[in-house]
Amino acid sequence: MSRSTSYAGVVHGFVVLLAFTALAQSAQADTITFGGEITQSTSDGTGPATNNTSLNTIADGDAYTVTLTFGGSLLLTPGTYDLTGASLLFSVPTAPAIESAFDLVSLTIAANGLYSDFSLLACLTTGSFACGGGNELDANFSILTADLHSQGVAAVGLDPLHPLDLLEDDGVTDIHGSIASYSYRSSAVPEPSSLILLAAGVAMTSRRLLRKESFKRR
């Protein structure tokens, strides 16, 4: 094997590696985030939390966020979306406390005049009873339909008592929260990254080397 052929083979392998790396970097996921303040914590008479003891550090008035991350994009038209397998994170940074042990996730969007009403149900994997038996997160809120794909917009809780309701330990732990903000972050079609451009340039060099070697052998 000649030196040029060996070098061309190495370059070709490098091109393949760059291509896979570029594709991996382009894989993105969309997120829906909403949040507000905690209005009922375990110190108000529910709990104490046993399956997730970090929930006991949450206090009334703490800011929280719920982030739903899923592959691809949602049109956010009226209907029910089965997002089982998506990542759902309830987070109270000042506590600090998090809950992420969710599996089944369902999101329903209903048209309501100029508004879109959201209803989210996420089932926890902890507890003795299934979802509906006191081991779930429920959220109900409304935003302007024009803001469905916007970031940092106002949201209105649909249930005055507990727009957000996090139930754990078979219903013994019951945390409520208001809902005041909403964001949707979309994974836009990625522009050609520097890795892709570099891979294209190296590929051209590789082809030229292979052509020269082929011409010399004739």
N, C-alpha and C. Protein backbone atom coordinates (compact mmCIF):
# COMPACT_ATOMS: atom_id res chain seq x y z
N MET A 1 0.85 -1.20 0.00
CA MET A 1 0.00 0.00 0.00
C MET A 1 0.88 1.24 0.00
N SER A 2 0.60 2.19 -0.90
CA SER A 2 1.41 3.39 -1.01
C SER A 2 1.07 4.35 0.13
N ARG A 3 1.96 5.32 0.33
CA ARG A 3 1.74 6.28 1.40
C ARG A 3 0.49 7.11 1.13
N SER A 4 0.28 7.52 -0.13
CA SER A 4 -0.87 8.35 -0.46
C SER A 4 -2.18 7.60 -0.25
N THR A 5 -2.16 6.27 -0.61
CA THR A 5 -3.37 5.47 -0.42
C THR A 5 -3.69 5.33 1.06
N SER A 6 -2.64 5.11 1.88
CA SER A 6 -2.83 4.98 3.31
C SER A 6 -3.37 6.27 3.89
N TYR A 7 -2.80 7.40 3.42
CA TYR A 7 -3.25 8.69 3.94
C TYR A 7 -4.70 8.96 3.55
N ALA A 8 -5.03 8.60 2.31
CA ALA A 8 -6.40 8.81 1.84
C ALA A 8 -7.39 8.00 2.67
N GLY A 9 -7.00 6.77 3.05
CA GLY A 9 -7.87 5.94 3.87
C GLY A 9 -8.10 6.54 5.23
N VAL A 10 -7.04 7.12 5.81
CA VAL A 10 -7.17 7.77 7.11
C VAL A 10 -8.10 8.97 7.01
N VAL A 11 -7.92 9.75 5.94
CA VAL A 11 -8.76 10.92 5.74
C VAL A 11 -10.21 10.52 5.59
N HIS A 12 -10.46 9.43 4.83
CA HIS A 12 -11.83 8.96 4.63
C HIS A 12 -12.46 8.58 5.97
N GLY A 13 -11.71 7.89 6.82
CA GLY A 13 -12.24 7.51 8.12
C GLY A 13 -12.55 8.72 8.97
N PHE A 14 -11.69 9.76 8.83
CA PHE A 14 -11.90 10.99 9.58
C PHE A 14 -13.18 11.68 9.13
N VAL A 15 -13.44 11.65 7.83
CA VAL A 15 -14.66 12.24 7.28
C VAL A 15 -15.89 11.57 7.87
N VAL A 16 -15.88 10.24 7.92
CA VAL A 16 -17.01 9.49 8.47
C VAL A 16 -17.24 9.87 9.93
N LEU A 17 -16.15 9.98 10.71
CA LEU A 17 -16.27 10.34 12.11
C LEU A 17 -16.85 11.74 12.27
N LEU A 18 -16.39 12.68 11.44
CA LEU A 18 -16.90 14.04 11.51
C LEU A 18 -18.39 14.09 11.18
N ALA A 19 -18.78 13.30 10.19
CA ALA A 19 -20.18 13.29 9.77
C ALA A 19 -21.09 12.80 10.90
N PHE A 20 -20.68 11.70 11.56
CA PHE A 20 -21.49 11.18 12.66
C PHE A 20 -21.54 12.19 13.81
N THR A 21 -20.42 12.86 14.09
CA THR A 21 -20.39 13.84 15.16
C THR A 21 -21.30 15.01 14.86
N ALA A 22 -21.27 15.48 13.59
CA ALA A 22 -22.11 16.60 13.19
C ALA A 22 -23.59 16.24 13.32
N LEU A 23 -23.95 15.02 12.91
CA LEU A 23 -25.34 14.59 13.01
C LEU A 23 -25.78 14.51 14.46
N ALA A 24 -24.89 14.03 15.32
CA ALA A 24 -25.22 13.91 16.74
C ALA A 24 -25.47 15.28 17.34
N GLN A 25 -24.66 16.29 16.90
CA GLN A 25 -24.83 17.62 17.44
C GLN A 25 -26.13 18.26 16.97
N SER A 26 -26.62 17.85 15.79
CA SER A 26 -27.82 18.46 15.24
C SER A 26 -29.10 17.91 15.85
N ALA A 27 -28.99 16.78 16.58
CA ALA A 27 -30.17 16.19 17.21
C ALA A 27 -30.59 17.05 18.40
N GLN A 28 -31.80 17.59 18.36
CA GLN A 28 -32.27 18.47 19.41
C GLN A 28 -33.66 18.05 19.85
N ALA A 29 -34.10 18.63 20.95
CA ALA A 29 -35.43 18.33 21.46
C ALA A 29 -36.13 19.62 21.85
N ASP A 30 -37.44 19.67 21.64
CA ASP A 30 -38.23 20.84 22.00
C ASP A 30 -38.63 20.77 23.47
N THR A 31 -38.92 21.94 24.05
CA THR A 31 -39.30 21.98 25.47
C THR A 31 -40.50 22.92 25.68
N ILE A 32 -41.36 22.51 26.58
CA ILE A 32 -42.41 23.37 27.12
C ILE A 32 -42.09 23.59 28.59
N THR A 33 -42.02 24.85 29.00
CA THR A 33 -41.70 25.19 30.39
C THR A 33 -42.78 26.12 30.94
N PHE A 34 -43.25 25.83 32.13
CA PHE A 34 -44.16 26.76 32.81
C PHE A 34 -43.79 26.80 34.28
N GLY A 35 -44.24 27.85 34.94
CA GLY A 35 -43.86 27.98 36.34
C GLY A 35 -44.68 29.03 37.08
N GLY A 36 -44.40 29.12 38.36
CA GLY A 36 -45.10 30.07 39.23
C GLY A 36 -44.51 29.96 40.63
N GLU A 37 -45.38 30.06 41.64
CA GLU A 37 -44.95 29.98 43.03
C GLU A 37 -45.68 28.86 43.76
N ILE A 38 -45.00 28.29 44.73
CA ILE A 38 -45.60 27.26 45.58
C ILE A 38 -46.61 27.93 46.52
N THR A 39 -47.81 27.41 46.54
CA THR A 39 -48.86 27.95 47.42
C THR A 39 -49.21 27.02 48.56
N GLN A 40 -48.79 25.77 48.47
CA GLN A 40 -48.98 24.81 49.57
C GLN A 40 -47.82 23.85 49.58
N SER A 41 -47.15 23.78 50.71
CA SER A 41 -46.01 22.87 50.87
C SER A 41 -46.31 21.85 51.96
N THR A 42 -45.37 20.97 52.21
CA THR A 42 -45.60 19.94 53.23
C THR A 42 -45.72 20.54 54.62
N SER A 43 -45.15 21.75 54.82
CA SER A 43 -45.25 22.41 56.13
C SER A 43 -46.67 22.87 56.44
N ASP A 44 -47.55 22.86 55.43
CA ASP A 44 -48.93 23.27 55.63
C ASP A 44 -49.83 22.11 56.08
N GLY A 45 -49.23 20.96 56.32
CA GLY A 45 -50.01 19.85 56.88
C GLY A 45 -50.06 18.60 56.04
N THR A 46 -49.44 18.61 54.84
CA THR A 46 -49.37 17.37 54.07
C THR A 46 -47.97 16.78 54.23
N GLY A 47 -47.86 15.50 53.95
CA GLY A 47 -46.55 14.87 54.12
C GLY A 47 -46.37 14.35 55.53
N PRO A 48 -45.12 14.15 55.96
CA PRO A 48 -43.91 14.48 55.20
C PRO A 48 -43.69 13.53 54.02
N ALA A 49 -43.01 14.05 53.00
CA ALA A 49 -42.69 13.24 51.83
C ALA A 49 -41.69 12.17 52.22
N THR A 50 -41.95 10.95 51.78
CA THR A 50 -41.05 9.84 52.11
C THR A 50 -40.34 9.28 50.87
N ASN A 51 -41.03 9.21 49.75
CA ASN A 51 -40.39 8.69 48.53
C ASN A 51 -39.38 9.67 47.96
N ASN A 52 -39.61 10.95 48.16
CA ASN A 52 -38.67 11.98 47.71
C ASN A 52 -38.58 13.03 48.82
N THR A 53 -37.62 12.84 49.72
CA THR A 53 -37.54 13.70 50.91
C THR A 53 -37.13 15.14 50.58
N SER A 54 -36.58 15.38 49.39
CA SER A 54 -36.20 16.75 49.04
C SER A 54 -37.42 17.66 48.96
N LEU A 55 -38.61 17.08 48.76
CA LEU A 55 -39.83 17.88 48.69
C LEU A 55 -40.16 18.54 50.03
N ASN A 56 -39.61 18.01 51.11
CA ASN A 56 -39.87 18.58 52.44
C ASN A 56 -39.16 19.91 52.64
N THR A 57 -38.20 20.25 51.80
CA THR A 57 -37.46 21.51 51.94
C THR A 57 -38.14 22.65 51.20
N ILE A 58 -39.22 22.36 50.48
CA ILE A 58 -39.94 23.40 49.74
C ILE A 58 -40.77 24.24 50.71
N ALA A 59 -40.76 25.55 50.49
CA ALA A 59 -41.54 26.46 51.34
C ALA A 59 -42.55 27.23 50.50
N ASP A 60 -43.61 27.69 51.14
CA ASP A 60 -44.60 28.52 50.45
C ASP A 60 -43.91 29.76 49.89
N GLY A 61 -44.25 30.13 48.66
CA GLY A 61 -43.66 31.30 48.03
C GLY A 61 -42.44 31.00 47.18
N ASP A 62 -41.90 29.79 47.28
CA ASP A 62 -40.75 29.42 46.44
C ASP A 62 -41.16 29.38 44.97
N ALA A 63 -40.26 29.82 44.10
CA ALA A 63 -40.51 29.73 42.66
C ALA A 63 -40.19 28.33 42.19
N TYR A 64 -41.01 27.82 41.28
CA TYR A 64 -40.79 26.49 40.73
C TYR A 64 -40.92 26.56 39.21
N THR A 65 -40.39 25.55 38.53
CA THR A 65 -40.61 25.39 37.09
C THR A 65 -40.88 23.92 36.80
N VAL A 66 -41.66 23.70 35.76
CA VAL A 66 -41.88 22.36 35.22
C VAL A 66 -41.41 22.40 33.77
N THR A 67 -40.50 21.51 33.43
CA THR A 67 -39.93 21.48 32.08
C THR A 67 -40.23 20.13 31.44
N LEU A 68 -40.92 20.18 30.31
CA LEU A 68 -41.27 18.98 29.54
C LEU A 68 -40.42 18.99 28.28
N THR A 69 -39.57 17.97 28.13
CA THR A 69 -38.66 17.88 26.99
C THR A 69 -39.01 16.65 26.18
N PHE A 70 -39.19 16.84 24.88
CA PHE A 70 -39.61 15.72 24.03
C PHE A 70 -38.92 15.83 22.67
N GLY A 71 -38.78 14.70 22.00
CA GLY A 71 -38.16 14.69 20.69
C GLY A 71 -39.08 15.27 19.63
N GLY A 72 -38.52 16.01 18.68
CA GLY A 72 -39.32 16.58 17.61
C GLY A 72 -40.05 17.83 18.04
N SER A 73 -41.08 18.20 17.29
CA SER A 73 -41.85 19.41 17.56
C SER A 73 -43.34 19.08 17.63
N LEU A 74 -44.08 19.93 18.35
CA LEU A 74 -45.52 19.81 18.42
C LEU A 74 -46.16 20.98 17.68
N LEU A 75 -47.19 20.70 16.92
CA LEU A 75 -47.92 21.77 16.26
C LEU A 75 -48.72 22.58 17.26
N LEU A 76 -49.01 21.98 18.42
CA LEU A 76 -49.78 22.61 19.48
C LEU A 76 -51.18 23.00 19.01
N THR A 77 -51.75 22.16 18.19
CA THR A 77 -53.14 22.33 17.80
C THR A 77 -54.02 21.59 18.81
N PRO A 78 -55.32 21.91 18.87
CA PRO A 78 -56.19 21.23 19.84
C PRO A 78 -56.15 19.70 19.68
N GLY A 79 -56.06 19.01 20.80
CA GLY A 79 -56.00 17.55 20.78
C GLY A 79 -55.26 17.04 21.99
N THR A 80 -55.13 15.73 22.09
CA THR A 80 -54.41 15.09 23.18
C THR A 80 -53.15 14.43 22.64
N TYR A 81 -52.03 14.72 23.29
CA TYR A 81 -50.74 14.21 22.86
C TYR A 81 -50.19 13.22 23.89
N ASP A 82 -49.88 12.03 23.45
CA ASP A 82 -49.24 11.04 24.31
C ASP A 82 -47.74 11.27 24.24
N LEU A 83 -47.17 11.79 25.30
CA LEU A 83 -45.75 12.11 25.35
C LEU A 83 -44.99 11.16 26.28
N THR A 84 -45.52 9.95 26.41
CA THR A 84 -44.84 8.94 27.21
C THR A 84 -43.42 8.74 26.68
N GLY A 85 -42.47 8.74 27.58
CA GLY A 85 -41.07 8.64 27.19
C GLY A 85 -40.37 9.97 27.19
N ALA A 86 -41.15 11.06 27.24
CA ALA A 86 -40.56 12.39 27.33
C ALA A 86 -40.00 12.61 28.73
N SER A 87 -39.15 13.61 28.86
CA SER A 87 -38.56 13.95 30.15
C SER A 87 -39.37 15.07 30.80
N LEU A 88 -39.79 14.85 32.04
CA LEU A 88 -40.53 15.87 32.78
C LEU A 88 -39.79 16.14 34.09
N LEU A 89 -39.50 17.41 34.34
CA LEU A 89 -38.74 17.79 35.53
C LEU A 89 -39.48 18.89 36.29
N PHE A 90 -39.82 18.60 37.55
CA PHE A 90 -40.35 19.59 38.48
C PHE A 90 -39.18 20.05 39.33
N SER A 91 -38.94 21.36 39.37
CA SER A 91 -37.75 21.86 40.04
C SER A 91 -38.07 23.10 40.88
N VAL A 92 -37.55 23.09 42.12
CA VAL A 92 -37.63 24.25 43.01
C VAL A 92 -36.18 24.56 43.43
N PRO A 93 -35.50 25.44 42.69
CA PRO A 93 -34.07 25.66 42.91
C PRO A 93 -33.70 26.16 44.30
N THR A 94 -34.55 27.00 44.92
CA THR A 94 -34.18 27.57 46.22
C THR A 94 -34.29 26.57 47.35
N ALA A 95 -34.98 25.43 47.16
CA ALA A 95 -35.17 24.47 48.25
C ALA A 95 -33.86 23.79 48.69
N PRO A 96 -33.07 23.16 47.84
CA PRO A 96 -33.41 22.77 46.47
C PRO A 96 -34.18 21.44 46.47
N ALA A 97 -35.04 21.29 45.46
CA ALA A 97 -35.82 20.05 45.34
C ALA A 97 -36.15 19.81 43.89
N ILE A 98 -36.14 18.53 43.50
CA ILE A 98 -36.54 18.17 42.14
C ILE A 98 -37.35 16.87 42.19
N GLU A 99 -38.15 16.67 41.15
CA GLU A 99 -38.84 15.40 40.95
C GLU A 99 -38.81 15.11 39.46
N SER A 100 -38.33 13.94 39.11
CA SER A 100 -38.22 13.59 37.69
C SER A 100 -38.64 12.14 37.41
N ALA A 101 -39.17 11.44 38.43
CA ALA A 101 -39.51 10.02 38.27
C ALA A 101 -40.89 9.84 37.64
N PHE A 102 -41.05 10.41 36.44
CA PHE A 102 -42.31 10.29 35.72
C PHE A 102 -42.16 9.36 34.53
N ASP A 103 -43.23 8.64 34.20
CA ASP A 103 -43.16 7.81 32.99
C ASP A 103 -44.27 8.19 32.02
N LEU A 104 -45.52 7.89 32.32
CA LEU A 104 -46.62 8.23 31.42
C LEU A 104 -46.88 9.73 31.49
N VAL A 105 -46.92 10.38 30.31
CA VAL A 105 -47.16 11.81 30.23
C VAL A 105 -48.20 12.07 29.15
N SER A 106 -49.23 12.84 29.49
CA SER A 106 -50.28 13.18 28.52
C SER A 106 -50.54 14.68 28.57
N LEU A 107 -50.60 15.30 27.38
CA LEU A 107 -50.86 16.73 27.29
C LEU A 107 -52.08 16.96 26.40
N THR A 108 -53.06 17.68 26.93
CA THR A 108 -54.25 18.01 26.17
C THR A 108 -54.33 19.52 25.97
N ILE A 109 -54.62 19.94 24.75
CA ILE A 109 -54.78 21.36 24.42
C ILE A 109 -56.18 21.56 23.85
N ALA A 110 -56.90 22.51 24.40
CA ALA A 110 -58.27 22.78 23.96
C ALA A 110 -58.41 24.24 23.57
N ALA A 111 -59.05 24.50 22.43
CA ALA A 111 -59.29 25.87 22.00
C ALA A 111 -60.36 26.51 22.86
N ASN A 112 -60.13 27.78 23.23
CA ASN A 112 -61.08 28.50 24.07
C ASN A 112 -61.07 29.97 23.66
N GLY A 113 -61.75 30.26 22.55
CA GLY A 113 -61.75 31.62 22.03
C GLY A 113 -60.36 32.03 21.58
N LEU A 114 -59.84 33.12 22.12
CA LEU A 114 -58.50 33.59 21.79
C LEU A 114 -57.42 32.83 22.55
N TYR A 115 -57.84 31.95 23.43
CA TYR A 115 -56.91 31.25 24.31
C TYR A 115 -56.82 29.76 23.98
N SER A 116 -55.76 29.15 24.47
CA SER A 116 -55.58 27.69 24.42
C SER A 116 -55.41 27.20 25.84
N ASP A 117 -56.23 26.23 26.22
CA ASP A 117 -56.19 25.68 27.57
C ASP A 117 -55.34 24.40 27.58
N PHE A 118 -54.40 24.36 28.50
CA PHE A 118 -53.49 23.22 28.64
C PHE A 118 -53.90 22.37 29.84
N SER A 119 -53.85 21.06 29.66
CA SER A 119 -54.06 20.13 30.77
C SER A 119 -52.98 19.05 30.68
N LEU A 120 -52.14 19.01 31.70
CA LEU A 120 -51.01 18.07 31.72
C LEU A 120 -51.19 17.05 32.84
N LEU A 121 -51.00 15.79 32.51
CA LEU A 121 -51.02 14.71 33.50
C LEU A 121 -49.75 13.89 33.34
N ALA A 122 -49.00 13.75 34.43
CA ALA A 122 -47.78 12.95 34.42
C ALA A 122 -47.81 12.00 35.59
N CYS A 123 -47.58 10.72 35.32
CA CYS A 123 -47.66 9.69 36.35
C CYS A 123 -46.29 9.39 36.93
N LEU A 124 -46.24 9.27 38.24
CA LEU A 124 -45.00 8.92 38.93
C LEU A 124 -44.81 7.40 38.97
N THR A 125 -43.56 7.01 39.04
CA THR A 125 -43.25 5.58 39.13
C THR A 125 -43.16 5.12 40.58
N THR A 126 -43.28 6.07 41.52
CA THR A 126 -43.19 5.73 42.95
C THR A 126 -44.58 5.59 43.55
N GLY A 127 -44.67 4.98 44.72
CA GLY A 127 -45.94 4.82 45.41
C GLY A 127 -46.53 3.44 45.22
N SER A 128 -47.48 3.11 46.08
CA SER A 128 -48.12 1.80 46.02
C SER A 128 -49.21 1.73 44.97
N PHE A 129 -49.83 2.89 44.68
CA PHE A 129 -50.94 2.92 43.73
C PHE A 129 -50.49 3.53 42.42
N ALA A 130 -51.23 3.19 41.36
CA ALA A 130 -50.89 3.72 40.04
C ALA A 130 -51.31 5.18 39.94
N CYS A 131 -51.05 5.75 38.75
CA CYS A 131 -51.43 7.13 38.49
C CYS A 131 -52.94 7.28 38.72
N GLY A 132 -53.33 8.33 39.42
CA GLY A 132 -54.73 8.49 39.79
C GLY A 132 -54.97 8.08 41.23
N GLY A 133 -54.00 7.40 41.81
CA GLY A 133 -54.11 6.98 43.20
C GLY A 133 -53.24 7.80 44.13
N GLY A 134 -52.90 9.02 43.71
CA GLY A 134 -52.13 9.91 44.56
C GLY A 134 -50.65 9.95 44.24
N ASN A 135 -50.28 9.64 42.99
CA ASN A 135 -48.86 9.66 42.60
C ASN A 135 -48.76 10.26 41.19
N GLU A 136 -48.93 11.58 41.11
CA GLU A 136 -48.99 12.22 39.81
C GLU A 136 -48.77 13.72 39.92
N LEU A 137 -48.54 14.32 38.76
CA LEU A 137 -48.48 15.78 38.65
C LEU A 137 -49.57 16.21 37.67
N ASP A 138 -50.39 17.16 38.10
CA ASP A 138 -51.45 17.72 37.26
C ASP A 138 -51.20 19.21 37.12
N ALA A 139 -51.44 19.74 35.93
CA ALA A 139 -51.31 21.17 35.71
C ALA A 139 -52.36 21.61 34.71
N ASN A 140 -53.02 22.74 35.01
CA ASN A 140 -54.06 23.28 34.14
C ASN A 140 -53.89 24.79 34.04
N PHE A 141 -53.68 25.28 32.83
CA PHE A 141 -53.47 26.71 32.64
C PHE A 141 -53.87 27.11 31.23
N SER A 142 -53.92 28.42 31.00
CA SER A 142 -54.35 28.95 29.72
C SER A 142 -53.40 30.05 29.27
N ILE A 143 -53.15 30.11 27.96
CA ILE A 143 -52.35 31.19 27.37
C ILE A 143 -53.03 31.64 26.08
N LEU A 144 -52.65 32.81 25.60
CA LEU A 144 -53.15 33.27 24.31
C LEU A 144 -52.66 32.32 23.22
N THR A 145 -53.55 31.94 22.33
CA THR A 145 -53.17 31.03 21.25
C THR A 145 -52.04 31.62 20.41
N ALA A 146 -52.01 32.93 20.28
CA ALA A 146 -50.95 33.59 19.51
C ALA A 146 -49.58 33.40 20.14
N ASP A 147 -49.54 33.02 21.44
CA ASP A 147 -48.27 32.87 22.15
C ASP A 147 -47.83 31.42 22.28
N LEU A 148 -48.48 30.49 21.59
CA LEU A 148 -48.19 29.07 21.77
C LEU A 148 -46.73 28.73 21.56
N HIS A 149 -46.07 29.38 20.60
CA HIS A 149 -44.67 29.07 20.31
C HIS A 149 -43.73 30.18 20.79
N SER A 150 -44.18 30.91 21.81
CA SER A 150 -43.40 32.04 22.32
C SER A 150 -42.69 31.67 23.62
N GLN A 151 -41.83 32.56 24.07
CA GLN A 151 -41.09 32.35 25.31
C GLN A 151 -41.36 33.47 26.30
N GLY A 152 -41.47 33.10 27.56
CA GLY A 152 -41.64 34.08 28.62
C GLY A 152 -42.95 34.84 28.56
N VAL A 153 -44.04 34.15 28.23
CA VAL A 153 -45.34 34.82 28.13
C VAL A 153 -46.18 34.50 29.36
N ALA A 154 -47.23 35.31 29.54
CA ALA A 154 -48.09 35.15 30.71
C ALA A 154 -48.99 33.92 30.57
N ALA A 155 -49.18 33.24 31.68
CA ALA A 155 -50.11 32.10 31.75
C ALA A 155 -51.06 32.34 32.91
N VAL A 156 -52.27 31.78 32.79
CA VAL A 156 -53.28 31.92 33.84
C VAL A 156 -53.71 30.54 34.30
N GLY A 157 -53.59 30.29 35.60
CA GLY A 157 -54.02 29.01 36.15
C GLY A 157 -55.52 28.84 36.04
N LEU A 158 -55.97 27.67 35.63
CA LEU A 158 -57.40 27.43 35.42
C LEU A 158 -58.12 26.98 36.69
N ASP A 159 -57.38 26.48 37.65
CA ASP A 159 -57.98 26.05 38.92
C ASP A 159 -57.46 26.98 40.01
N PRO A 160 -58.29 27.89 40.52
CA PRO A 160 -57.80 28.88 41.49
C PRO A 160 -57.14 28.27 42.73
N LEU A 161 -57.57 27.08 43.12
CA LEU A 161 -57.01 26.48 44.34
C LEU A 161 -55.64 25.84 44.08
N HIS A 162 -55.51 25.11 42.99
CA HIS A 162 -54.23 24.47 42.71
C HIS A 162 -54.09 24.18 41.21
N PRO A 163 -53.71 25.21 40.43
CA PRO A 163 -53.42 24.98 39.00
C PRO A 163 -52.36 23.91 38.80
N LEU A 164 -51.38 23.89 39.72
CA LEU A 164 -50.38 22.82 39.75
C LEU A 164 -50.63 21.99 40.99
N ASP A 165 -50.65 20.67 40.82
CA ASP A 165 -50.87 19.77 41.96
C ASP A 165 -49.90 18.60 41.81
N LEU A 166 -48.98 18.49 42.76
CA LEU A 166 -48.04 17.36 42.79
C LEU A 166 -48.40 16.47 43.96
N LEU A 167 -48.89 15.27 43.65
CA LEU A 167 -49.28 14.29 44.66
C LEU A 167 -48.25 13.17 44.71
N GLU A 168 -47.81 12.85 45.92
CA GLU A 168 -46.86 11.75 46.10
C GLU A 168 -47.25 10.94 47.33
N ASP A 169 -46.56 9.82 47.51
CA ASP A 169 -46.76 8.95 48.68
C ASP A 169 -48.22 8.54 48.81
N ASP A 170 -48.82 8.16 47.66
CA ASP A 170 -50.23 7.73 47.61
C ASP A 170 -51.18 8.81 48.10
N GLY A 171 -50.83 10.08 47.83
CA GLY A 171 -51.70 11.20 48.16
C GLY A 171 -51.41 11.86 49.48
N VAL A 172 -50.52 11.30 50.30
CA VAL A 172 -50.20 11.89 51.60
C VAL A 172 -49.49 13.24 51.40
N THR A 173 -48.57 13.29 50.47
CA THR A 173 -47.86 14.53 50.14
C THR A 173 -48.63 15.24 49.02
N ASP A 174 -48.97 16.50 49.26
CA ASP A 174 -49.79 17.25 48.30
C ASP A 174 -49.23 18.67 48.21
N ILE A 175 -48.57 18.98 47.10
CA ILE A 175 -47.94 20.29 46.90
C ILE A 175 -48.70 21.03 45.80
N HIS A 176 -49.08 22.29 46.10
CA HIS A 176 -49.81 23.11 45.14
C HIS A 176 -48.94 24.28 44.67
N GLY A 177 -49.28 24.81 43.50
CA GLY A 177 -48.57 25.98 43.00
C GLY A 177 -49.41 26.77 42.02
N SER A 178 -49.12 28.06 41.93
CA SER A 178 -49.75 28.90 40.92
C SER A 178 -49.03 28.70 39.58
N ILE A 179 -49.63 29.14 38.49
CA ILE A 179 -48.98 29.09 37.18
C ILE A 179 -49.08 30.47 36.56
N ALA A 180 -47.91 31.09 36.28
CA ALA A 180 -47.90 32.47 35.81
C ALA A 180 -47.12 32.69 34.53
N SER A 181 -46.29 31.72 34.12
CA SER A 181 -45.46 31.94 32.93
C SER A 181 -45.38 30.67 32.09
N TYR A 182 -45.09 30.87 30.82
CA TYR A 182 -45.04 29.76 29.85
C TYR A 182 -43.99 30.08 28.79
N SER A 183 -43.31 29.02 28.34
CA SER A 183 -42.34 29.16 27.24
C SER A 183 -42.35 27.90 26.40
N TYR A 184 -42.18 28.09 25.10
CA TYR A 184 -41.98 26.96 24.19
C TYR A 184 -40.69 27.23 23.43
N ARG A 185 -39.77 26.30 23.51
CA ARG A 185 -38.49 26.41 22.80
C ARG A 185 -38.44 25.32 21.74
N SER A 186 -38.30 25.75 20.50
CA SER A 186 -38.32 24.82 19.38
C SER A 186 -36.91 24.56 18.87
N SER A 187 -36.66 23.32 18.47
CA SER A 187 -35.37 22.99 17.86
C SER A 187 -35.46 23.36 16.39
N ALA A 188 -35.01 24.55 16.07
CA ALA A 188 -35.05 25.02 14.69
C ALA A 188 -34.14 24.18 13.83
N VAL A 189 -34.42 24.16 12.51
CA VAL A 189 -33.58 23.40 11.59
C VAL A 189 -32.16 23.92 11.72
N PRO A 190 -31.19 23.08 12.10
CA PRO A 190 -29.84 23.56 12.36
C PRO A 190 -29.13 24.02 11.10
N GLU A 191 -28.38 25.12 11.27
CA GLU A 191 -27.53 25.58 10.17
C GLU A 191 -26.33 24.64 10.05
N PRO A 192 -25.70 24.57 8.85
CA PRO A 192 -24.52 23.73 8.71
C PRO A 192 -23.46 24.15 9.72
N SER A 193 -23.05 23.22 10.56
CA SER A 193 -22.08 23.54 11.58
C SER A 193 -20.68 23.56 11.00
N SER A 194 -19.74 24.07 11.78
CA SER A 194 -18.35 24.11 11.32
C SER A 194 -17.82 22.70 11.09
N LEU A 195 -18.32 21.72 11.87
CA LEU A 195 -17.88 20.34 11.66
C LEU A 195 -18.33 19.82 10.30
N ILE A 196 -19.58 20.17 9.91
CA ILE A 196 -20.08 19.72 8.62
C ILE A 196 -19.27 20.34 7.49
N LEU A 197 -18.97 21.66 7.62
CA LEU A 197 -18.18 22.33 6.58
C LEU A 197 -16.78 21.75 6.51
N LEU A 198 -16.19 21.45 7.68
CA LEU A 198 -14.86 20.86 7.69
C LEU A 198 -14.88 19.48 7.05
N ALA A 199 -15.93 18.70 7.35
CA ALA A 199 -16.03 17.36 6.78
C ALA A 199 -16.14 17.44 5.26
N ALA A 200 -16.88 18.44 4.75
CA ALA A 200 -17.00 18.59 3.30
C ALA A 200 -15.66 18.90 2.67
N GLY A 201 -14.89 19.79 3.32
CA GLY A 201 -13.58 20.14 2.78
C GLY A 201 -12.63 18.97 2.78
N VAL A 202 -12.64 18.22 3.89
CA VAL A 202 -11.74 17.06 3.98
C VAL A 202 -12.16 15.99 2.98
N ALA A 203 -13.46 15.85 2.75
CA ALA A 203 -13.93 14.86 1.78
C ALA A 203 -13.42 15.18 0.39
N MET A 204 -13.42 16.46 0.01
CA MET A 204 -12.91 16.85 -1.31
C MET A 204 -11.44 16.52 -1.44
N THR A 205 -10.69 16.77 -0.36
CA THR A 205 -9.26 16.44 -0.37
C THR A 205 -9.04 14.95 -0.50
N SER A 206 -9.85 14.17 0.20
CA SER A 206 -9.74 12.72 0.14
C SER A 206 -10.00 12.21 -1.27
N ARG A 207 -11.03 12.74 -1.92
CA ARG A 207 -11.35 12.29 -3.28
C ARG A 207 -10.22 12.63 -4.25
N ARG A 208 -9.62 13.80 -4.08
CA ARG A 208 -8.52 14.19 -4.97
C ARG A 208 -7.33 13.25 -4.82
N LEU A 209 -7.04 12.87 -3.56
CA LEU A 209 -5.93 11.96 -3.32
C LEU A 209 -6.18 10.60 -3.95
N LEU A 210 -7.41 10.11 -3.79
CA LEU A 210 -7.75 8.81 -4.36
C LEU A 210 -7.69 8.84 -5.88
N ARG A 211 -8.11 9.94 -6.50
CA ARG A 211 -8.06 10.05 -7.95
C ARG A 211 -6.62 10.07 -8.45
N LYS A 212 -5.76 10.81 -7.74
CA LYS A 212 -4.35 10.85 -8.14
C LYS A 212 -3.72 9.49 -8.04
N GLU A 213 -4.02 8.75 -6.99
CA GLU A 213 -3.44 7.43 -6.82
C GLU A 213 -3.94 6.48 -7.91
N SER A 214 -5.22 6.58 -8.25
CA SER A 214 -5.79 5.75 -9.30
C SER A 214 -5.15 6.07 -10.65
N PHE A 215 -4.88 7.35 -10.92
CA PHE A 215 -4.27 7.75 -12.20
C PHE A 215 -2.83 7.22 -12.30
N LYS A 216 -2.07 7.23 -11.16
CA LYS A 216 -0.70 6.76 -11.18
C LYS A 216 -0.61 5.25 -11.48
N ARG A 217 -1.64 4.50 -11.09
CA ARG A 217 -1.60 3.05 -11.28
C ARG A 217 -1.92 2.63 -12.70
N ARG A 218 -2.47 3.56 -13.51
CA ARG A 218 -2.81 3.20 -14.88
C ARG A 218 -1.58 3.12 -15.76
